[in-house]
Amino acid sequence: MKRVLLLGSGYVSGPVVEYLTRDERTQVTVASVLLKQAEELAAKYPNTIPIMLDASSQEGHLDSLVKDHDLVISMLPYSFHPLIAKHCIRRKVNMVTASYLSPAMTELQSR
């Protein structure tokens, strides 16, 4: 089973989870600072696990989650992406965002 970590549970996250869970071989972990919101989203789709994560203050937990997944999708604000990317680079896990390339992300390009 492929494991996808989705960071964020806002409005745009619903279609992402719906699309990913079309494949029954994909498990999605929805991580959000708002556990109730993640739970409500996960309840709508199979193979979806809600968890609470504050990426800015729980870096150890973030790193552990990244390590245990095959892909990270960040739907968090762009300012979080460099932090998340550093963990993905260290763990050699691919990362996808919906944001434009910021200067901070450009600096990580060679890594």
N, C-alpha and C. Protein backbone atom coordinates (compact mmCIF):
# COMPACT_ATOMS: atom_id res chain seq x y z
N MET A 1 0.84 -1.18 0.00
CA MET A 1 0.00 0.00 0.00
C MET A 1 0.88 1.24 0.00
N LYS A 2 0.55 2.20 -0.84
CA LYS A 2 1.26 3.48 -0.86
C LYS A 2 0.69 4.37 0.23
N ARG A 3 1.57 5.07 0.93
CA ARG A 3 1.15 5.94 2.02
C ARG A 3 1.45 7.38 1.67
N VAL A 4 0.41 8.22 1.73
CA VAL A 4 0.52 9.64 1.40
C VAL A 4 0.20 10.45 2.65
N LEU A 5 1.08 11.39 2.97
CA LEU A 5 0.85 12.32 4.08
C LEU A 5 0.35 13.63 3.49
N LEU A 6 -0.86 13.98 3.85
CA LEU A 6 -1.46 15.25 3.41
C LEU A 6 -1.44 16.21 4.58
N LEU A 7 -0.72 17.30 4.44
CA LEU A 7 -0.61 18.31 5.49
C LEU A 7 -1.62 19.40 5.22
N GLY A 8 -2.62 19.49 6.10
CA GLY A 8 -3.68 20.47 5.95
C GLY A 8 -5.01 19.79 5.67
N SER A 9 -6.07 20.37 6.20
CA SER A 9 -7.40 19.76 6.03
C SER A 9 -8.44 20.80 5.61
N GLY A 10 -7.98 21.86 4.96
CA GLY A 10 -8.90 22.92 4.52
C GLY A 10 -9.70 22.51 3.29
N TYR A 11 -10.37 23.48 2.70
CA TYR A 11 -11.28 23.23 1.58
C TYR A 11 -10.63 22.50 0.40
N VAL A 12 -9.43 22.83 0.07
CA VAL A 12 -8.77 22.23 -1.09
C VAL A 12 -8.34 20.80 -0.80
N SER A 13 -8.22 20.43 0.45
CA SER A 13 -7.77 19.09 0.80
C SER A 13 -8.80 18.01 0.47
N GLY A 14 -10.07 18.34 0.53
CA GLY A 14 -11.12 17.36 0.23
C GLY A 14 -10.97 16.74 -1.14
N PRO A 15 -10.87 17.53 -2.20
CA PRO A 15 -10.69 16.94 -3.53
C PRO A 15 -9.40 16.12 -3.66
N VAL A 16 -8.37 16.52 -2.94
CA VAL A 16 -7.11 15.77 -2.98
C VAL A 16 -7.33 14.37 -2.39
N VAL A 17 -7.98 14.31 -1.23
CA VAL A 17 -8.25 13.02 -0.60
C VAL A 17 -9.18 12.17 -1.46
N GLU A 18 -10.20 12.80 -2.01
CA GLU A 18 -11.14 12.06 -2.87
C GLU A 18 -10.40 11.44 -4.04
N TYR A 19 -9.54 12.18 -4.68
CA TYR A 19 -8.79 11.68 -5.83
C TYR A 19 -7.85 10.55 -5.43
N LEU A 20 -7.09 10.75 -4.37
CA LEU A 20 -6.11 9.75 -3.96
C LEU A 20 -6.75 8.44 -3.53
N THR A 21 -7.90 8.52 -2.86
CA THR A 21 -8.53 7.30 -2.34
C THR A 21 -9.34 6.55 -3.39
N ARG A 22 -9.36 7.04 -4.60
CA ARG A 22 -9.97 6.27 -5.70
C ARG A 22 -9.20 4.96 -5.89
N ASP A 23 -7.92 5.00 -5.60
CA ASP A 23 -7.08 3.80 -5.68
C ASP A 23 -7.07 3.16 -4.30
N GLU A 24 -7.65 1.99 -4.18
CA GLU A 24 -7.76 1.33 -2.88
C GLU A 24 -6.41 0.90 -2.32
N ARG A 25 -5.35 1.02 -3.12
CA ARG A 25 -4.00 0.69 -2.63
C ARG A 25 -3.29 1.91 -2.05
N THR A 26 -4.02 3.01 -1.90
CA THR A 26 -3.45 4.24 -1.35
C THR A 26 -4.08 4.55 -0.01
N GLN A 27 -3.24 4.80 0.98
CA GLN A 27 -3.69 5.21 2.31
C GLN A 27 -3.27 6.67 2.50
N VAL A 28 -4.19 7.49 2.96
CA VAL A 28 -3.91 8.91 3.15
C VAL A 28 -3.97 9.24 4.64
N THR A 29 -2.93 9.87 5.13
CA THR A 29 -2.93 10.39 6.49
C THR A 29 -3.16 11.89 6.38
N VAL A 30 -4.26 12.36 6.95
CA VAL A 30 -4.57 13.79 6.94
C VAL A 30 -4.09 14.38 8.26
N ALA A 31 -3.09 15.24 8.19
CA ALA A 31 -2.52 15.86 9.37
C ALA A 31 -2.92 17.33 9.42
N SER A 32 -3.49 17.72 10.54
CA SER A 32 -3.98 19.10 10.67
C SER A 32 -3.81 19.57 12.11
N VAL A 33 -3.64 20.85 12.26
CA VAL A 33 -3.61 21.44 13.60
C VAL A 33 -5.02 21.39 14.21
N LEU A 34 -6.03 21.25 13.36
CA LEU A 34 -7.43 21.14 13.79
C LEU A 34 -7.87 19.69 13.65
N LEU A 35 -7.72 18.91 14.70
CA LEU A 35 -8.02 17.48 14.65
C LEU A 35 -9.45 17.21 14.21
N LYS A 36 -10.40 17.96 14.72
CA LYS A 36 -11.80 17.75 14.36
C LYS A 36 -12.01 17.90 12.85
N GLN A 37 -11.36 18.88 12.26
CA GLN A 37 -11.48 19.09 10.82
C GLN A 37 -10.88 17.90 10.04
N ALA A 38 -9.74 17.40 10.52
CA ALA A 38 -9.12 16.24 9.88
C ALA A 38 -10.01 15.01 10.02
N GLU A 39 -10.62 14.84 11.18
CA GLU A 39 -11.51 13.70 11.42
C GLU A 39 -12.73 13.76 10.51
N GLU A 40 -13.30 14.94 10.36
CA GLU A 40 -14.48 15.10 9.49
C GLU A 40 -14.12 14.78 8.03
N LEU A 41 -12.96 15.21 7.59
CA LEU A 41 -12.53 14.92 6.23
C LEU A 41 -12.27 13.42 6.07
N ALA A 42 -11.56 12.83 6.99
CA ALA A 42 -11.21 11.41 6.90
C ALA A 42 -12.44 10.51 6.95
N ALA A 43 -13.48 10.94 7.64
CA ALA A 43 -14.69 10.12 7.77
C ALA A 43 -15.41 9.94 6.43
N LYS A 44 -15.13 10.80 5.49
CA LYS A 44 -15.81 10.75 4.18
C LYS A 44 -15.18 9.77 3.20
N TYR A 45 -13.96 9.31 3.48
CA TYR A 45 -13.21 8.53 2.49
C TYR A 45 -12.58 7.29 3.12
N PRO A 46 -12.46 6.22 2.33
CA PRO A 46 -11.81 5.00 2.84
C PRO A 46 -10.30 5.20 2.94
N ASN A 47 -9.66 4.35 3.71
CA ASN A 47 -8.19 4.34 3.83
C ASN A 47 -7.62 5.71 4.20
N THR A 48 -8.34 6.45 5.05
CA THR A 48 -7.91 7.79 5.44
C THR A 48 -7.82 7.87 6.96
N ILE A 49 -6.69 8.35 7.44
CA ILE A 49 -6.42 8.43 8.87
C ILE A 49 -6.22 9.88 9.27
N PRO A 50 -6.99 10.39 10.24
CA PRO A 50 -6.80 11.77 10.70
C PRO A 50 -5.83 11.81 11.88
N ILE A 51 -4.95 12.80 11.89
CA ILE A 51 -4.08 13.01 13.04
C ILE A 51 -3.91 14.51 13.27
N MET A 52 -3.54 14.84 14.49
CA MET A 52 -3.27 16.24 14.85
C MET A 52 -1.77 16.49 14.70
N LEU A 53 -1.43 17.57 14.04
CA LEU A 53 -0.02 17.96 13.88
C LEU A 53 0.06 19.47 13.76
N ASP A 54 0.91 20.06 14.58
CA ASP A 54 1.27 21.46 14.43
C ASP A 54 2.70 21.46 13.91
N ALA A 55 2.84 21.58 12.60
CA ALA A 55 4.15 21.44 11.95
C ALA A 55 5.19 22.40 12.50
N SER A 56 4.77 23.57 12.95
CA SER A 56 5.73 24.57 13.42
C SER A 56 6.28 24.27 14.81
N SER A 57 5.54 23.52 15.61
CA SER A 57 6.01 23.26 16.98
C SER A 57 6.23 21.78 17.27
N GLN A 58 5.96 20.91 16.31
CA GLN A 58 6.13 19.47 16.52
C GLN A 58 7.01 18.88 15.42
N GLU A 59 8.22 19.43 15.28
CA GLU A 59 9.09 18.99 14.20
C GLU A 59 9.47 17.52 14.32
N GLY A 60 9.63 17.02 15.53
CA GLY A 60 9.95 15.61 15.70
C GLY A 60 8.84 14.72 15.18
N HIS A 61 7.60 15.10 15.47
CA HIS A 61 6.45 14.36 14.99
C HIS A 61 6.35 14.47 13.47
N LEU A 62 6.57 15.66 12.94
CA LEU A 62 6.57 15.88 11.49
C LEU A 62 7.60 14.97 10.83
N ASP A 63 8.81 14.93 11.36
CA ASP A 63 9.88 14.12 10.79
C ASP A 63 9.51 12.64 10.80
N SER A 64 8.93 12.19 11.89
CA SER A 64 8.50 10.79 12.00
C SER A 64 7.43 10.45 10.96
N LEU A 65 6.50 11.36 10.76
CA LEU A 65 5.45 11.15 9.77
C LEU A 65 6.03 11.11 8.36
N VAL A 66 6.91 12.04 8.05
CA VAL A 66 7.53 12.08 6.72
C VAL A 66 8.25 10.76 6.46
N LYS A 67 8.99 10.29 7.44
CA LYS A 67 9.75 9.04 7.31
C LYS A 67 8.86 7.85 6.99
N ASP A 68 7.64 7.85 7.53
CA ASP A 68 6.73 6.72 7.38
C ASP A 68 5.81 6.79 6.16
N HIS A 69 6.02 7.76 5.28
CA HIS A 69 5.15 7.91 4.11
C HIS A 69 5.98 7.91 2.82
N ASP A 70 5.31 7.60 1.73
CA ASP A 70 5.95 7.55 0.41
C ASP A 70 5.90 8.89 -0.31
N LEU A 71 4.98 9.75 0.08
CA LEU A 71 4.79 11.05 -0.56
C LEU A 71 4.20 12.01 0.46
N VAL A 72 4.64 13.26 0.42
CA VAL A 72 4.09 14.32 1.26
C VAL A 72 3.46 15.37 0.36
N ILE A 73 2.21 15.70 0.64
CA ILE A 73 1.53 16.79 -0.07
C ILE A 73 1.23 17.87 0.96
N SER A 74 1.75 19.05 0.73
CA SER A 74 1.52 20.15 1.66
C SER A 74 0.49 21.12 1.10
N MET A 75 -0.60 21.23 1.82
CA MET A 75 -1.62 22.22 1.51
C MET A 75 -1.59 23.33 2.57
N LEU A 76 -0.49 23.39 3.29
CA LEU A 76 -0.30 24.44 4.30
C LEU A 76 0.13 25.74 3.61
N PRO A 77 0.09 26.85 4.32
CA PRO A 77 0.59 28.11 3.75
C PRO A 77 2.05 27.97 3.29
N TYR A 78 2.40 28.70 2.24
CA TYR A 78 3.72 28.57 1.62
C TYR A 78 4.87 28.77 2.59
N SER A 79 4.65 29.52 3.64
CA SER A 79 5.74 29.78 4.59
C SER A 79 6.20 28.51 5.32
N PHE A 80 5.37 27.47 5.34
CA PHE A 80 5.74 26.21 5.98
C PHE A 80 6.54 25.30 5.05
N HIS A 81 6.48 25.53 3.76
CA HIS A 81 7.06 24.60 2.80
C HIS A 81 8.57 24.38 2.95
N PRO A 82 9.38 25.40 3.22
CA PRO A 82 10.81 25.12 3.41
C PRO A 82 11.08 24.18 4.59
N LEU A 83 10.36 24.35 5.68
CA LEU A 83 10.51 23.46 6.84
C LEU A 83 10.17 22.02 6.45
N ILE A 84 9.05 21.85 5.79
CA ILE A 84 8.60 20.52 5.38
C ILE A 84 9.57 19.93 4.36
N ALA A 85 10.02 20.74 3.42
CA ALA A 85 10.95 20.28 2.39
C ALA A 85 12.25 19.77 3.00
N LYS A 86 12.74 20.44 4.02
CA LYS A 86 13.99 19.99 4.66
C LYS A 86 13.84 18.59 5.23
N HIS A 87 12.70 18.31 5.83
CA HIS A 87 12.45 16.96 6.37
C HIS A 87 12.32 15.95 5.23
N CYS A 88 11.65 16.34 4.16
CA CYS A 88 11.49 15.44 3.01
C CYS A 88 12.84 15.16 2.35
N ILE A 89 13.68 16.15 2.23
CA ILE A 89 15.01 15.97 1.64
C ILE A 89 15.82 15.00 2.49
N ARG A 90 15.82 15.23 3.80
CA ARG A 90 16.59 14.37 4.70
C ARG A 90 16.11 12.93 4.65
N ARG A 91 14.81 12.75 4.53
CA ARG A 91 14.22 11.40 4.53
C ARG A 91 14.07 10.81 3.12
N LYS A 92 14.45 11.62 2.10
CA LYS A 92 14.35 11.17 0.71
C LYS A 92 12.92 10.78 0.34
N VAL A 93 12.00 11.66 0.69
CA VAL A 93 10.57 11.47 0.39
C VAL A 93 10.14 12.61 -0.52
N ASN A 94 9.47 12.27 -1.62
CA ASN A 94 8.99 13.31 -2.53
C ASN A 94 7.94 14.18 -1.87
N MET A 95 7.91 15.45 -2.30
CA MET A 95 6.98 16.44 -1.75
C MET A 95 6.30 17.18 -2.89
N VAL A 96 5.01 17.43 -2.71
CA VAL A 96 4.22 18.18 -3.68
C VAL A 96 3.53 19.32 -2.95
N THR A 97 3.51 20.50 -3.58
CA THR A 97 2.77 21.63 -3.03
C THR A 97 1.96 22.26 -4.16
N ALA A 98 1.04 23.11 -3.78
CA ALA A 98 0.26 23.84 -4.77
C ALA A 98 0.74 25.28 -4.89
N SER A 99 1.89 25.56 -4.32
CA SER A 99 2.40 26.94 -4.29
C SER A 99 3.43 27.20 -5.37
N TYR A 100 3.61 28.47 -5.64
CA TYR A 100 4.68 28.88 -6.52
C TYR A 100 6.01 28.69 -5.81
N LEU A 101 7.09 28.64 -6.57
CA LEU A 101 8.41 28.45 -6.00
C LEU A 101 8.88 29.75 -5.34
N SER A 102 9.04 29.70 -4.03
CA SER A 102 9.49 30.87 -3.28
C SER A 102 11.01 30.92 -3.26
N PRO A 103 11.61 32.06 -2.91
CA PRO A 103 13.06 32.13 -2.80
C PRO A 103 13.62 31.11 -1.79
N ALA A 104 12.90 30.89 -0.69
CA ALA A 104 13.37 29.92 0.31
C ALA A 104 13.37 28.50 -0.24
N MET A 105 12.39 28.18 -1.07
CA MET A 105 12.35 26.85 -1.69
C MET A 105 13.41 26.73 -2.79
N THR A 106 13.66 27.81 -3.50
CA THR A 106 14.67 27.80 -4.55
C THR A 106 16.04 27.49 -3.96
N GLU A 107 16.31 28.00 -2.76
CA GLU A 107 17.59 27.73 -2.09
C GLU A 107 17.79 26.23 -1.81
N LEU A 108 16.70 25.49 -1.68
CA LEU A 108 16.79 24.06 -1.40
C LEU A 108 16.90 23.21 -2.66
N GLN A 109 16.79 23.82 -3.82
CA GLN A 109 16.73 23.11 -5.09
C GLN A 109 17.87 22.12 -5.26
N SER A 110 19.09 22.52 -4.96
CA SER A 110 20.25 21.65 -5.19
C SER A 110 20.29 20.46 -4.23
N ARG A 111 19.63 20.61 -3.07
CA ARG A 111 19.59 19.51 -2.10
C ARG A 111 18.57 18.50 -2.50
